[in-house]
C-alpha cells in the first residue's frame, strides 16, 4: 500500500534506544546542560504493540532502559517505530519530527524541552 512505512520490531527499537542512552551518557554537553534534570519517560511505538519502554533520567544521566511501562511517567513519547528509531539512531532531527507531528509528547513543557535538548546533542554528535 503506498504511503505505508516500514515498521521495526521491539527488539531492534530497544537496541536503538539503548545505543541512544549510551550516546547521551557519553555526551559532555548533554550531561552539563541536563545535570539537574530527572524524569521518567515512557516510550511507545504506535505500530508495534510490544514496543513499550521506560527510560529514567537521573541528574541528567540516562539509567538502563527497561522493557514495559513502569511506574508513573513524567513524560510520554509516542510515534511510529521507524520515526522513533531514526531519532535514536541519530538519523533524524528530533525537532523536525516533533514539529511535523510524527512524534507526540504528553507531559510538562520543560521536560519536553530537555528531552529535545538531549536528542539534539545526540543528533549533532555533541
PDB file of N, CA and C in Angstrom:
ATOM      1  N   UNK A   1       0.843  -1.174   0.000  1.00  0.00           N
ATOM      2  CA  UNK A   1       0.000   0.000   0.000  1.00  0.00           C
ATOM      3  C   UNK A   1       0.893   1.243   0.000  1.00  0.00           C
ATOM      4  N   UNK A   2       0.709   2.170  -0.932  1.00  0.00           N
ATOM      5  CA  UNK A   2       1.538   3.365  -0.995  1.00  0.00           C
ATOM      6  C   UNK A   2       1.387   4.209   0.262  1.00  0.00           C
ATOM      7  N   UNK A   3       2.504   4.788   0.703  1.00  0.00           N
ATOM      8  CA  UNK A   3       2.479   5.663   1.862  1.00  0.00           C
ATOM      9  C   UNK A   3       2.677   4.955   3.185  1.00  0.00           C
ATOM     10  N   UNK A   4       2.597   3.619   3.205  1.00  0.00           N
ATOM     11  CA  UNK A   4       2.823   2.895   4.453  1.00  0.00           C
ATOM     12  C   UNK A   4       4.300   2.857   4.751  1.00  0.00           C
ATOM     13  N   UNK A   5       4.627   3.003   6.022  1.00  0.00           N
ATOM     14  CA  UNK A   5       6.020   2.995   6.444  1.00  0.00           C
ATOM     15  C   UNK A   5       6.403   1.622   6.959  1.00  0.00           C
ATOM     16  N   UNK A   6       7.647   1.298   6.773  1.00  0.00           N
ATOM     17  CA  UNK A   6       8.176   0.058   7.320  1.00  0.00           C
ATOM     18  C   UNK A   6       8.230   0.174   8.838  1.00  0.00           C
ATOM     19  N   UNK A   7       7.852  -0.885   9.517  1.00  0.00           N
ATOM     20  CA  UNK A   7       7.952  -0.944  10.973  1.00  0.00           C
ATOM     21  C   UNK A   7       9.195  -1.728  11.343  1.00  0.00           C
ATOM     22  N   UNK A   8       9.717  -1.451  12.516  1.00  0.00           N
ATOM     23  CA  UNK A   8      10.783  -2.298  13.034  1.00  0.00           C
ATOM     24  C   UNK A   8      10.257  -2.951  14.305  1.00  0.00           C
ATOM     25  N   UNK A   9      10.837  -4.073  14.662  1.00  0.00           N
ATOM     26  CA  UNK A   9      10.373  -4.820  15.819  1.00  0.00           C
ATOM     27  C   UNK A   9      10.824  -4.213  17.138  1.00  0.00           C
ATOM     28  N   UNK A  10      10.222  -4.709  18.195  1.00  0.00           N
ATOM     29  CA  UNK A  10      10.525  -4.210  19.536  1.00  0.00           C
ATOM     30  C   UNK A  10      11.996  -4.421  19.899  1.00  0.00           C
ATOM     31  N   UNK A  11      12.590  -5.547  19.494  1.00  0.00           N
ATOM     32  CA  UNK A  11      13.996  -5.813  19.822  1.00  0.00           C
ATOM     33  C   UNK A  11      14.924  -4.790  19.170  1.00  0.00           C
ATOM     34  N   UNK A  12      14.676  -4.495  17.904  1.00  0.00           N
ATOM     35  CA  UNK A  12      15.520  -3.529  17.199  1.00  0.00           C
ATOM     36  C   UNK A  12      15.323  -2.119  17.757  1.00  0.00           C
ATOM     37  N   UNK A  13      14.096  -1.783  18.091  1.00  0.00           N
ATOM     38  CA  UNK A  13      13.830  -0.473  18.679  1.00  0.00           C
ATOM     39  C   UNK A  13      14.487  -0.361  20.054  1.00  0.00           C
ATOM     40  N   UNK A  14      14.434  -1.434  20.824  1.00  0.00           N
ATOM     41  CA  UNK A  14      15.094  -1.432  22.138  1.00  0.00           C
ATOM     42  C   UNK A  14      16.599  -1.227  21.970  1.00  0.00           C
ATOM     43  N   UNK A  15      17.200  -1.897  21.005  1.00  0.00           N
ATOM     44  CA  UNK A  15      18.636  -1.743  20.766  1.00  0.00           C
ATOM     45  C   UNK A  15      18.967  -0.304  20.380  1.00  0.00           C
ATOM     46  N   UNK A  16      18.131   0.299  19.529  1.00  0.00           N
ATOM     47  CA  UNK A  16      18.344   1.693  19.137  1.00  0.00           C
ATOM     48  C   UNK A  16      18.251   2.612  20.353  1.00  0.00           C
ATOM     49  N   UNK A  17      17.295   2.358  21.234  1.00  0.00           N
ATOM     50  CA  UNK A  17      17.125   3.168  22.444  1.00  0.00           C
ATOM     51  C   UNK A  17      18.306   2.985  23.399  1.00  0.00           C
ATOM     52  N   UNK A  18      18.801   1.770  23.516  1.00  0.00           N
ATOM     53  CA  UNK A  18      19.972   1.507  24.372  1.00  0.00           C
ATOM     54  C   UNK A  18      21.191   2.273  23.858  1.00  0.00           C
ATOM     55  N   UNK A  19      21.400   2.245  22.546  1.00  0.00           N
ATOM     56  CA  UNK A  19      22.529   2.973  21.954  1.00  0.00           C
ATOM     57  C   UNK A  19      22.359   4.482  22.142  1.00  0.00           C
ATOM     58  N   UNK A  20      21.128   4.949  22.020  1.00  0.00           N
ATOM     59  CA  UNK A  20      20.822   6.361  22.213  1.00  0.00           C
ATOM     60  C   UNK A  20      21.170   6.790  23.646  1.00  0.00           C
ATOM     61  N   UNK A  21      20.756   5.987  24.626  1.00  0.00           N
ATOM     62  CA  UNK A  21      21.041   6.299  26.025  1.00  0.00           C
ATOM     63  C   UNK A  21      22.550   6.310  26.282  1.00  0.00           C
ATOM     64  N   UNK A  22      23.275   5.381  25.654  1.00  0.00           N
ATOM     65  CA  UNK A  22      24.737   5.354  25.801  1.00  0.00           C
ATOM     66  C   UNK A  22      25.372   6.615  25.221  1.00  0.00           C
ATOM     67  N   UNK A  23      24.914   7.040  24.040  1.00  0.00           N
ATOM     68  CA  UNK A  23      25.459   8.259  23.429  1.00  0.00           C
ATOM     69  C   UNK A  23      25.120   9.490  24.256  1.00  0.00           C
ATOM     70  N   UNK A  24      23.918   9.535  24.811  1.00  0.00           N
ATOM     71  CA  UNK A  24      23.534  10.670  25.657  1.00  0.00           C
ATOM     72  C   UNK A  24      24.400  10.700  26.918  1.00  0.00           C
ATOM     73  N   UNK A  25      24.688   9.531  27.483  1.00  0.00           N
ATOM     74  CA  UNK A  25      25.545   9.454  28.675  1.00  0.00           C
ATOM     75  C   UNK A  25      26.968   9.896  28.364  1.00  0.00           C
ATOM     76  N   UNK A  26      27.417   9.628  27.151  1.00  0.00           N
ATOM     77  CA  UNK A  26      28.786   9.955  26.754  1.00  0.00           C
ATOM     78  C   UNK A  26      28.938  11.397  26.289  1.00  0.00           C
ATOM     79  N   UNK A  27      27.844  12.126  26.160  1.00  0.00           N
ATOM     80  CA  UNK A  27      27.888  13.495  25.662  1.00  0.00           C
ATOM     81  C   UNK A  27      28.170  14.479  26.799  1.00  0.00           C
ATOM     82  N   UNK A  28      29.362  15.090  26.813  1.00  0.00           N
ATOM     83  CA  UNK A  28      29.661  16.059  27.872  1.00  0.00           C
ATOM     84  C   UNK A  28      28.683  17.237  27.859  1.00  0.00           C
ATOM     85  N   UNK A  29      28.286  17.656  26.683  1.00  0.00           N
ATOM     86  CA  UNK A  29      27.370  18.794  26.586  1.00  0.00           C
ATOM     87  C   UNK A  29      25.992  18.451  27.146  1.00  0.00           C
ATOM     88  N   UNK A  30      25.503  17.262  26.840  1.00  0.00           N
ATOM     89  CA  UNK A  30      24.208  16.835  27.375  1.00  0.00           C
ATOM     90  C   UNK A  30      24.283  16.698  28.890  1.00  0.00           C
ATOM     91  N   UNK A  31      25.330  16.078  29.387  1.00  0.00           N
ATOM     92  CA  UNK A  31      25.469  15.906  30.840  1.00  0.00           C
ATOM     93  C   UNK A  31      25.516  17.245  31.555  1.00  0.00           C
ATOM     94  N   UNK A  32      26.263  18.199  31.003  1.00  0.00           N
ATOM     95  CA  UNK A  32      26.383  19.512  31.642  1.00  0.00           C
ATOM     96  C   UNK A  32      25.063  20.277  31.587  1.00  0.00           C
ATOM     97  N   UNK A  33      24.447  20.324  30.423  1.00  0.00           N
ATOM     98  CA  UNK A  33      23.211  21.078  30.233  1.00  0.00           C
ATOM     99  C   UNK A  33      22.059  20.492  31.046  1.00  0.00           C
ATOM    100  N   UNK A  34      22.017  19.167  31.155  1.00  0.00           N
ATOM    101  CA  UNK A  34      20.880  18.495  31.792  1.00  0.00           C
ATOM    102  C   UNK A  34      21.186  17.986  33.200  1.00  0.00           C
ATOM    103  N   UNK A  35      22.243  18.487  33.817  1.00  0.00           N
ATOM    104  CA  UNK A  35      22.720  17.965  35.109  1.00  0.00           C
ATOM    105  C   UNK A  35      21.669  17.986  36.215  1.00  0.00           C
ATOM    106  N   UNK A  36      20.711  18.881  36.148  1.00  0.00           N
ATOM    107  CA  UNK A  36      19.702  18.970  37.214  1.00  0.00           C
ATOM    108  C   UNK A  36      18.387  18.297  36.838  1.00  0.00           C
ATOM    109  N   UNK A  37      18.335  17.655  35.671  1.00  0.00           N
ATOM    110  CA  UNK A  37      17.081  17.083  35.185  1.00  0.00           C
ATOM    111  C   UNK A  37      16.926  15.630  35.602  1.00  0.00           C
ATOM    112  N   UNK A  38      15.780  15.313  36.179  1.00  0.00           N
ATOM    113  CA  UNK A  38      15.387  13.931  36.465  1.00  0.00           C
ATOM    114  C   UNK A  38      13.979  13.741  35.921  1.00  0.00           C
ATOM    115  N   UNK A  39      13.772  12.624  35.225  1.00  0.00           N
ATOM    116  CA  UNK A  39      12.497  12.425  34.531  1.00  0.00           C
ATOM    117  C   UNK A  39      12.306  10.938  34.220  1.00  0.00           C
ATOM    118  N   UNK A  40      11.075  10.459  34.390  1.00  0.00           N
ATOM    119  CA  UNK A  40      10.713   9.092  33.973  1.00  0.00           C
ATOM    120  C   UNK A  40       9.940   9.226  32.667  1.00  0.00           C
ATOM    121  N   UNK A  41      10.444   8.574  31.611  1.00  0.00           N
ATOM    122  CA  UNK A  41       9.869   8.702  30.278  1.00  0.00           C
ATOM    123  C   UNK A  41       9.344   7.351  29.810  1.00  0.00           C
ATOM    124  N   UNK A  42       8.103   7.336  29.382  1.00  0.00           N
ATOM    125  CA  UNK A  42       7.532   6.159  28.733  1.00  0.00           C
ATOM    126  C   UNK A  42       7.589   6.395  27.233  1.00  0.00           C
ATOM    127  N   UNK A  43       8.141   5.421  26.502  1.00  0.00           N
ATOM    128  CA  UNK A  43       8.243   5.495  25.043  1.00  0.00           C
ATOM    129  C   UNK A  43       7.423   4.352  24.459  1.00  0.00           C
ATOM    130  N   UNK A  44       6.583   4.684  23.485  1.00  0.00           N
ATOM    131  CA  UNK A  44       5.716   3.668  22.897  1.00  0.00           C
ATOM    132  C   UNK A  44       5.645   3.836  21.385  1.00  0.00           C
ATOM    133  N   UNK A  45       5.880   2.731  20.683  1.00  0.00           N
ATOM    134  CA  UNK A  45       5.706   2.726  19.226  1.00  0.00           C
ATOM    135  C   UNK A  45       4.234   2.468  18.946  1.00  0.00           C
ATOM    136  N   UNK A  46       3.626   3.325  18.178  1.00  0.00           N
ATOM    137  CA  UNK A  46       2.193   3.217  17.901  1.00  0.00           C
ATOM    138  C   UNK A  46       1.846   2.062  16.973  1.00  0.00           C
ATOM    139  N   UNK A  47       2.837   1.543  16.250  1.00  0.00           N
ATOM    140  CA  UNK A  47       2.585   0.480  15.276  1.00  0.00           C
ATOM    141  C   UNK A  47       3.076  -0.889  15.725  1.00  0.00           C
ATOM    142  N   UNK A  48       3.746  -0.972  16.876  1.00  0.00           N
ATOM    143  CA  UNK A  48       4.274  -2.242  17.377  1.00  0.00           C
ATOM    144  C   UNK A  48       3.805  -2.395  18.825  1.00  0.00           C
ATOM    145  N   UNK A  49       2.769  -3.210  19.048  1.00  0.00           N
ATOM    146  CA  UNK A  49       2.146  -3.282  20.375  1.00  0.00           C
ATOM    147  C   UNK A  49       3.090  -3.618  21.532  1.00  0.00           C
ATOM    148  N   UNK A  50       4.117  -4.435  21.285  1.00  0.00           N
ATOM    149  CA  UNK A  50       5.014  -4.802  22.392  1.00  0.00           C
ATOM    150  C   UNK A  50       6.242  -3.899  22.499  1.00  0.00           C
ATOM    151  N   UNK A  51       6.288  -2.818  21.734  1.00  0.00           N
ATOM    152  CA  UNK A  51       7.417  -1.879  21.794  1.00  0.00           C
ATOM    153  C   UNK A  51       7.079  -0.746  22.753  1.00  0.00           C
ATOM    154  N   UNK A  52       7.242  -1.049  24.049  1.00  0.00           N
ATOM    155  CA  UNK A  52       6.980  -0.105  25.128  1.00  0.00           C
ATOM    156  C   UNK A  52       8.188  -0.125  26.056  1.00  0.00           C
ATOM    157  N   UNK A  53       8.709   1.050  26.359  1.00  0.00           N
ATOM    158  CA  UNK A  53       9.940   1.126  27.149  1.00  0.00           C
ATOM    159  C   UNK A  53       9.856   2.249  28.175  1.00  0.00           C
ATOM    160  N   UNK A  54      10.644   2.098  29.224  1.00  0.00           N
ATOM    161  CA  UNK A  54      10.776   3.141  30.228  1.00  0.00           C
ATOM    162  C   UNK A  54      12.233   3.563  30.270  1.00  0.00           C
ATOM    163  N   UNK A  55      12.452   4.871  30.167  1.00  0.00           N
ATOM    164  CA  UNK A  55      13.787   5.461  30.270  1.00  0.00           C
ATOM    165  C   UNK A  55      13.742   6.449  31.426  1.00  0.00           C
ATOM    166  N   UNK A  56      14.614   6.251  32.385  1.00  0.00           N
ATOM    167  CA  UNK A  56      14.688   7.146  33.528  1.00  0.00           C
ATOM    168  C   UNK A  56      15.967   7.967  33.410  1.00  0.00           C
ATOM    169  N   UNK A  57      15.814   9.276  33.564  1.00  0.00           N
ATOM    170  CA  UNK A  57      16.947  10.190  33.577  1.00  0.00           C
ATOM    171  C   UNK A  57      17.104  10.646  35.022  1.00  0.00           C
ATOM    172  N   UNK A  58      18.284  10.453  35.586  1.00  0.00           N
ATOM    173  CA  UNK A  58      18.558  10.908  36.953  1.00  0.00           C
ATOM    174  C   UNK A  58      19.741  11.855  36.913  1.00  0.00           C
ATOM    175  N   UNK A  59      19.491  13.100  37.323  1.00  0.00           N
ATOM    176  CA  UNK A  59      20.528  14.138  37.328  1.00  0.00           C
ATOM    177  C   UNK A  59      21.219  14.220  35.967  1.00  0.00           C
ATOM    178  N   UNK A  60      20.419  14.163  34.908  1.00  0.00           N
ATOM    179  CA  UNK A  60      20.929  14.301  33.554  1.00  0.00           C
ATOM    180  C   UNK A  60      21.533  13.048  32.956  1.00  0.00           C
ATOM    181  N   UNK A  61      21.602  11.966  33.714  1.00  0.00           N
ATOM    182  CA  UNK A  61      22.218  10.730  33.230  1.00  0.00           C
ATOM    183  C   UNK A  61      21.156   9.662  32.967  1.00  0.00           C
ATOM    184  N   UNK A  62      21.070   9.163  31.728  1.00  0.00           N
ATOM    185  CA  UNK A  62      20.126   8.085  31.436  1.00  0.00           C
ATOM    186  C   UNK A  62      20.496   6.820  32.205  1.00  0.00           C
ATOM    187  N   UNK A  63      19.505   6.211  32.812  1.00  0.00           N
ATOM    188  CA  UNK A  63      19.666   4.944  33.521  1.00  0.00           C
ATOM    189  C   UNK A  63      19.375   3.808  32.538  1.00  0.00           C
ATOM    190  N   UNK A  64      19.641   2.560  32.923  1.00  0.00           N
ATOM    191  CA  UNK A  64      19.364   1.460  31.999  1.00  0.00           C
ATOM    192  C   UNK A  64      17.902   1.452  31.540  1.00  0.00           C
ATOM    193  N   UNK A  65      17.717   1.240  30.248  1.00  0.00           N
ATOM    194  CA  UNK A  65      16.390   1.181  29.636  1.00  0.00           C
ATOM    195  C   UNK A  65      15.722  -0.117  30.069  1.00  0.00           C
ATOM    196  N   UNK A  66      14.421  -0.040  30.369  1.00  0.00           N
ATOM    197  CA  UNK A  66      13.689  -1.253  30.712  1.00  0.00           C
ATOM    198  C   UNK A  66      12.521  -1.429  29.752  1.00  0.00           C
ATOM    199  N   UNK A  67      12.193  -2.691  29.496  1.00  0.00           N
ATOM    200  CA  UNK A  67      11.024  -3.003  28.662  1.00  0.00           C
ATOM    201  C   UNK A  67       9.776  -2.833  29.492  1.00  0.00           C
ATOM    202  N   UNK A  68       8.746  -2.351  28.851  1.00  0.00           N
ATOM    203  CA  UNK A  68       7.477  -2.151  29.534  1.00  0.00           C
ATOM    204  C   UNK A  68       7.388  -0.745  30.099  1.00  0.00           C
ATOM    205  N   UNK A  69       6.206  -0.421  30.577  1.00  0.00           N
ATOM    206  CA  UNK A  69       5.945   0.906  31.129  1.00  0.00           C
ATOM    207  C   UNK A  69       5.834   0.774  32.637  1.00  0.00           C
ATOM    208  N   UNK A  70       6.863   1.233  33.346  1.00  0.00           N
ATOM    209  CA  UNK A  70       6.882   1.062  34.795  1.00  0.00           C
ATOM    210  C   UNK A  70       6.673   2.392  35.515  1.00  0.00           C
ATOM    211  N   UNK A  71       5.902   2.328  36.591  1.00  0.00           N
ATOM    212  CA  UNK A  71       5.609   3.470  37.452  1.00  0.00           C
ATOM    213  C   UNK A  71       4.915   4.593  36.678  1.00  0.00           C
ATOM    214  N   UNK A  72       4.734   5.707  37.326  1.00  0.00           N
ATOM    215  CA  UNK A  72       4.029   6.843  36.736  1.00  0.00           C
ATOM    216  C   UNK A  72       5.036   7.715  35.978  1.00  0.00           C
ATOM    217  N   UNK A  73       4.791   7.967  34.687  1.00  0.00           N
ATOM    218  CA  UNK A  73       5.747   8.745  33.905  1.00  0.00           C
ATOM    219  C   UNK A  73       5.589  10.250  34.126  1.00  0.00           C
ATOM    220  N   UNK A  74       6.690  10.956  33.940  1.00  0.00           N
ATOM    221  CA  UNK A  74       6.660  12.411  33.881  1.00  0.00           C
ATOM    222  C   UNK A  74       6.378  12.852  32.446  1.00  0.00           C
ATOM    223  N   UNK A  75       6.774  12.001  31.506  1.00  0.00           N
ATOM    224  CA  UNK A  75       6.687  12.334  30.093  1.00  0.00           C
ATOM    225  C   UNK A  75       6.362  11.069  29.301  1.00  0.00           C
ATOM    226  N   UNK A  76       5.490  11.201  28.316  1.00  0.00           N
ATOM    227  CA  UNK A  76       5.142  10.092  27.431  1.00  0.00           C
ATOM    228  C   UNK A  76       5.493  10.517  26.005  1.00  0.00           C
ATOM    229  N   UNK A  77       6.192   9.632  25.288  1.00  0.00           N
ATOM    230  CA  UNK A  77       6.583   9.891  23.906  1.00  0.00           C
ATOM    231  C   UNK A  77       6.030   8.754  23.057  1.00  0.00           C
ATOM    232  N   UNK A  78       5.277   9.109  22.025  1.00  0.00           N
ATOM    233  CA  UNK A  78       4.673   8.108  21.134  1.00  0.00           C
ATOM    234  C   UNK A  78       5.017   8.444  19.692  1.00  0.00           C
ATOM    235  N   UNK A  79       5.156   7.396  18.901  1.00  0.00           N
ATOM    236  CA  UNK A  79       5.388   7.603  17.485  1.00  0.00           C
ATOM    237  C   UNK A  79       5.532   6.283  16.769  1.00  0.00           C
ATOM    238  N   UNK A  80       5.582   6.346  15.462  1.00  0.00           N
ATOM    239  CA  UNK A  80       5.817   5.169  14.635  1.00  0.00           C
ATOM    240  C   UNK A  80       7.198   4.624  14.980  1.00  0.00           C
ATOM    241  N   UNK A  81       7.335   3.317  14.972  1.00  0.00           N
ATOM    242  CA  UNK A  81       8.601   2.690  15.369  1.00  0.00           C
ATOM    243  C   UNK A  81       9.788   3.220  14.565  1.00  0.00           C
ATOM    244  N   UNK A  82       9.600   3.443  13.268  1.00  0.00           N
ATOM    245  CA  UNK A  82      10.697   3.924  12.433  1.00  0.00           C
ATOM    246  C   UNK A  82      11.054   5.373  12.775  1.00  0.00           C
ATOM    247  N   UNK A  83      10.060   6.210  13.065  1.00  0.00           N
ATOM    248  CA  UNK A  83      10.341   7.596  13.460  1.00  0.00           C
ATOM    249  C   UNK A  83      11.127   7.629  14.769  1.00  0.00           C
ATOM    250  N   UNK A  84      10.716   6.816  15.725  1.00  0.00           N
ATOM    251  CA  UNK A  84      11.451   6.757  16.989  1.00  0.00           C
ATOM    252  C   UNK A  84      12.872   6.251  16.768  1.00  0.00           C
ATOM    253  N   UNK A  85      13.006   5.179  16.007  1.00  0.00           N
ATOM    254  CA  UNK A  85      14.325   4.596  15.761  1.00  0.00           C
ATOM    255  C   UNK A  85      15.246   5.584  15.062  1.00  0.00           C
ATOM    256  N   UNK A  86      14.732   6.322  14.094  1.00  0.00           N
ATOM    257  CA  UNK A  86      15.577   7.287  13.379  1.00  0.00           C
ATOM    258  C   UNK A  86      16.099   8.377  14.316  1.00  0.00           C
ATOM    259  N   UNK A  87      15.307   8.757  15.313  1.00  0.00           N
ATOM    260  CA  UNK A  87      15.799   9.706  16.319  1.00  0.00           C
ATOM    261  C   UNK A  87      16.870   9.031  17.171  1.00  0.00           C
ATOM    262  N   UNK A  88      16.593   7.818  17.639  1.00  0.00           N
ATOM    263  CA  UNK A  88      17.554   7.112  18.498  1.00  0.00           C
ATOM    264  C   UNK A  88      18.858   6.826  17.770  1.00  0.00           C
ATOM    265  N   UNK A  89      18.782   6.517  16.482  1.00  0.00           N
ATOM    266  CA  UNK A  89      19.990   6.243  15.705  1.00  0.00           C
ATOM    267  C   UNK A  89      20.750   7.519  15.356  1.00  0.00           C
ATOM    268  N   UNK A  90      20.096   8.672  15.532  1.00  0.00           N
ATOM    269  CA  UNK A  90      20.727   9.940  15.169  1.00  0.00           C
ATOM    270  C   UNK A  90      20.583  10.257  13.689  1.00  0.00           C
ATOM    271  N   UNK A  91      19.654   9.575  13.009  1.00  0.00           N
ATOM    272  CA  UNK A  91      19.446   9.779  11.575  1.00  0.00           C
ATOM    273  C   UNK A  91      18.418  10.858  11.265  1.00  0.00           C
ATOM    274  N   UNK A  92      17.648  11.266  12.260  1.00  0.00           N
ATOM    275  CA  UNK A  92      16.592  12.257  12.027  1.00  0.00           C
ATOM    276  C   UNK A  92      16.690  13.367  13.053  1.00  0.00           C
ATOM    277  N   UNK A  93      16.360  14.554  12.618  1.00  0.00           N
ATOM    278  CA  UNK A  93      16.335  15.708  13.502  1.00  0.00           C
ATOM    279  C   UNK A  93      15.101  15.593  14.395  1.00  0.00           C
ATOM    280  N   UNK A  94      15.288  15.445  15.705  1.00  0.00           N
ATOM    281  CA  UNK A  94      14.131  15.250  16.583  1.00  0.00           C
ATOM    282  C   UNK A  94      13.169  16.430  16.573  1.00  0.00           C
ATOM    283  N   UNK A  95      13.678  17.644  16.497  1.00  0.00           N
ATOM    284  CA  UNK A  95      12.804  18.823  16.488  1.00  0.00           C
ATOM    285  C   UNK A  95      11.897  18.796  15.266  1.00  0.00           C
ATOM    286  N   UNK A  96      12.429  18.376  14.137  1.00  0.00           N
ATOM    287  CA  UNK A  96      11.642  18.290  12.907  1.00  0.00           C
ATOM    288  C   UNK A  96      10.512  17.275  13.063  1.00  0.00           C
ATOM    289  N   UNK A  97      10.821  16.128  13.670  1.00  0.00           N
ATOM    290  CA  UNK A  97       9.788  15.100  13.866  1.00  0.00           C
ATOM    291  C   UNK A  97       8.675  15.587  14.787  1.00  0.00           C
ATOM    292  N   UNK A  98       9.028  16.332  15.833  1.00  0.00           N
ATOM    293  CA  UNK A  98       8.001  16.879  16.724  1.00  0.00           C
ATOM    294  C   UNK A  98       7.145  17.895  15.977  1.00  0.00           C
ATOM    295  N   UNK A  99       7.814  18.783  15.242  1.00  0.00           N
ATOM    296  CA  UNK A  99       7.098  19.859  14.549  1.00  0.00           C
ATOM    297  C   UNK A  99       6.142  19.299  13.490  1.00  0.00           C
ATOM    298  N   UNK A 100       6.536  18.208  12.832  1.00  0.00           N
ATOM    299  CA  UNK A 100       5.703  17.608  11.788  1.00  0.00           C
ATOM    300  C   UNK A 100       4.621  16.697  12.365  1.00  0.00           C
ATOM    301  N   UNK A 101       4.659  16.470  13.672  1.00  0.00           N
ATOM    302  CA  UNK A 101       3.662  15.631  14.312  1.00  0.00           C
ATOM    303  C   UNK A 101       3.938  14.147  14.203  1.00  0.00           C
ATOM    304  N   UNK A 102       5.130  13.770  13.730  1.00  0.00           N
ATOM    305  CA  UNK A 102       5.474  12.349  13.623  1.00  0.00           C
ATOM    306  C   UNK A 102       5.656  11.726  15.004  1.00  0.00           C
ATOM    307  N   UNK A 103       6.090  12.539  15.945  1.00  0.00           N
ATOM    308  CA  UNK A 103       6.289  12.110  17.325  1.00  0.00           C
ATOM    309  C   UNK A 103       5.399  12.985  18.198  1.00  0.00           C
ATOM    310  N   UNK A 104       4.655  12.369  19.109  1.00  0.00           N
ATOM    311  CA  UNK A 104       3.832  13.165  20.020  1.00  0.00           C
ATOM    312  C   UNK A 104       4.343  12.994  21.443  1.00  0.00           C
ATOM    313  N   UNK A 105       4.176  14.039  22.216  1.00  0.00           N
ATOM    314  CA  UNK A 105       4.603  14.013  23.609  1.00  0.00           C
ATOM    315  C   UNK A 105       3.443  14.432  24.495  1.00  0.00           C
ATOM    316  N   UNK A 106       3.481  13.924  25.709  1.00  0.00           N
ATOM    317  CA  UNK A 106       2.489  14.299  26.710  1.00  0.00           C
ATOM    318  C   UNK A 106       3.237  14.466  28.021  1.00  0.00           C
ATOM    319  N   UNK A 107       3.214  15.675  28.550  1.00  0.00           N
ATOM    320  CA  UNK A 107       3.915  15.960  29.799  1.00  0.00           C
ATOM    321  C   UNK A 107       4.208  17.442  29.897  1.00  0.00           C
ATOM    322  N   UNK A 108       4.971  17.802  30.902  1.00  0.00           N
ATOM    323  CA  UNK A 108       5.307  19.208  31.122  1.00  0.00           C
ATOM    324  C   UNK A 108       6.219  19.728  30.020  1.00  0.00           C
ATOM    325  N   UNK A 109       6.011  20.971  29.648  1.00  0.00           N
ATOM    326  CA  UNK A 109       6.788  21.583  28.568  1.00  0.00           C
ATOM    327  C   UNK A 109       8.280  21.586  28.870  1.00  0.00           C
ATOM    328  N   UNK A 110       8.679  21.789  30.128  1.00  0.00           N
ATOM    329  CA  UNK A 110      10.110  21.822  30.438  1.00  0.00           C
ATOM    330  C   UNK A 110      10.742  20.443  30.274  1.00  0.00           C
ATOM    331  N   UNK A 111      10.000  19.373  30.555  1.00  0.00           N
ATOM    332  CA  UNK A 111      10.536  18.026  30.318  1.00  0.00           C
ATOM    333  C   UNK A 111      10.691  17.765  28.823  1.00  0.00           C
ATOM    334  N   UNK A 112       9.716  18.216  28.032  1.00  0.00           N
ATOM    335  CA  UNK A 112       9.794  18.055  26.573  1.00  0.00           C
ATOM    336  C   UNK A 112      11.002  18.822  26.039  1.00  0.00           C
ATOM    337  N   UNK A 113      11.214  20.042  26.525  1.00  0.00           N
ATOM    338  CA  UNK A 113      12.349  20.848  26.060  1.00  0.00           C
ATOM    339  C   UNK A 113      13.681  20.191  26.423  1.00  0.00           C
ATOM    340  N   UNK A 114      13.767  19.605  27.595  1.00  0.00           N
ATOM    341  CA  UNK A 114      15.018  18.939  27.990  1.00  0.00           C
ATOM    342  C   UNK A 114      15.248  17.678  27.166  1.00  0.00           C
ATOM    343  N   UNK A 115      14.185  16.926  26.914  1.00  0.00           N
ATOM    344  CA  UNK A 115      14.313  15.752  26.050  1.00  0.00           C
ATOM    345  C   UNK A 115      14.751  16.175  24.655  1.00  0.00           C
ATOM    346  N   UNK A 116      14.174  17.255  24.144  1.00  0.00           N
ATOM    347  CA  UNK A 116      14.589  17.790  22.846  1.00  0.00           C
ATOM    348  C   UNK A 116      16.067  18.146  22.845  1.00  0.00           C
ATOM    349  N   UNK A 117      16.522  18.795  23.921  1.00  0.00           N
ATOM    350  CA  UNK A 117      17.933  19.193  24.014  1.00  0.00           C
ATOM    351  C   UNK A 117      18.824  17.956  24.001  1.00  0.00           C
ATOM    352  N   UNK A 118      18.475  16.933  24.784  1.00  0.00           N
ATOM    353  CA  UNK A 118      19.274  15.707  24.824  1.00  0.00           C
ATOM    354  C   UNK A 118      19.304  15.070  23.434  1.00  0.00           C
ATOM    355  N   UNK A 119      18.143  14.995  22.784  1.00  0.00           N
ATOM    356  CA  UNK A 119      18.074  14.387  21.456  1.00  0.00           C
ATOM    357  C   UNK A 119      18.899  15.179  20.444  1.00  0.00           C
ATOM    358  N   UNK A 120      18.875  16.511  20.544  1.00  0.00           N
ATOM    359  CA  UNK A 120      19.660  17.331  19.610  1.00  0.00           C
ATOM    360  C   UNK A 120      21.162  17.130  19.822  1.00  0.00           C
ATOM    361  N   UNK A 121      21.606  17.046  21.069  1.00  0.00           N
ATOM    362  CA  UNK A 121      23.032  16.812  21.326  1.00  0.00           C
ATOM    363  C   UNK A 121      23.466  15.473  20.721  1.00  0.00           C
ATOM    364  N   UNK A 122      22.624  14.454  20.857  1.00  0.00           N
ATOM    365  CA  UNK A 122      22.940  13.135  20.276  1.00  0.00           C
ATOM    366  C   UNK A 122      22.921  13.248  18.753  1.00  0.00           C
ATOM    367  N   UNK A 123      21.901  13.900  18.194  1.00  0.00           N
ATOM    368  CA  UNK A 123      21.775  14.063  16.743  1.00  0.00           C
ATOM    369  C   UNK A 123      22.981  14.803  16.167  1.00  0.00           C
ATOM    370  N   UNK A 124      23.431  15.837  16.859  1.00  0.00           N
ATOM    371  CA  UNK A 124      24.566  16.635  16.381  1.00  0.00           C
ATOM    372  C   UNK A 124      25.930  16.043  16.755  1.00  0.00           C
ATOM    373  N   UNK A 125      25.894  14.957  17.543  1.00  0.00           N
ATOM    374  CA  UNK A 125      27.152  14.320  17.950  1.00  0.00           C
ATOM    375  C   UNK A 125      27.953  15.157  18.920  1.00  0.00           C
ATOM    376  N   UNK A 126      27.268  15.905  19.783  1.00  0.00           N
ATOM    377  CA  UNK A 126      27.948  16.769  20.737  1.00  0.00           C
ATOM    378  C   UNK A 126      27.903  16.134  22.085  1.00  0.00           C
TER     379      UNK A 126
END
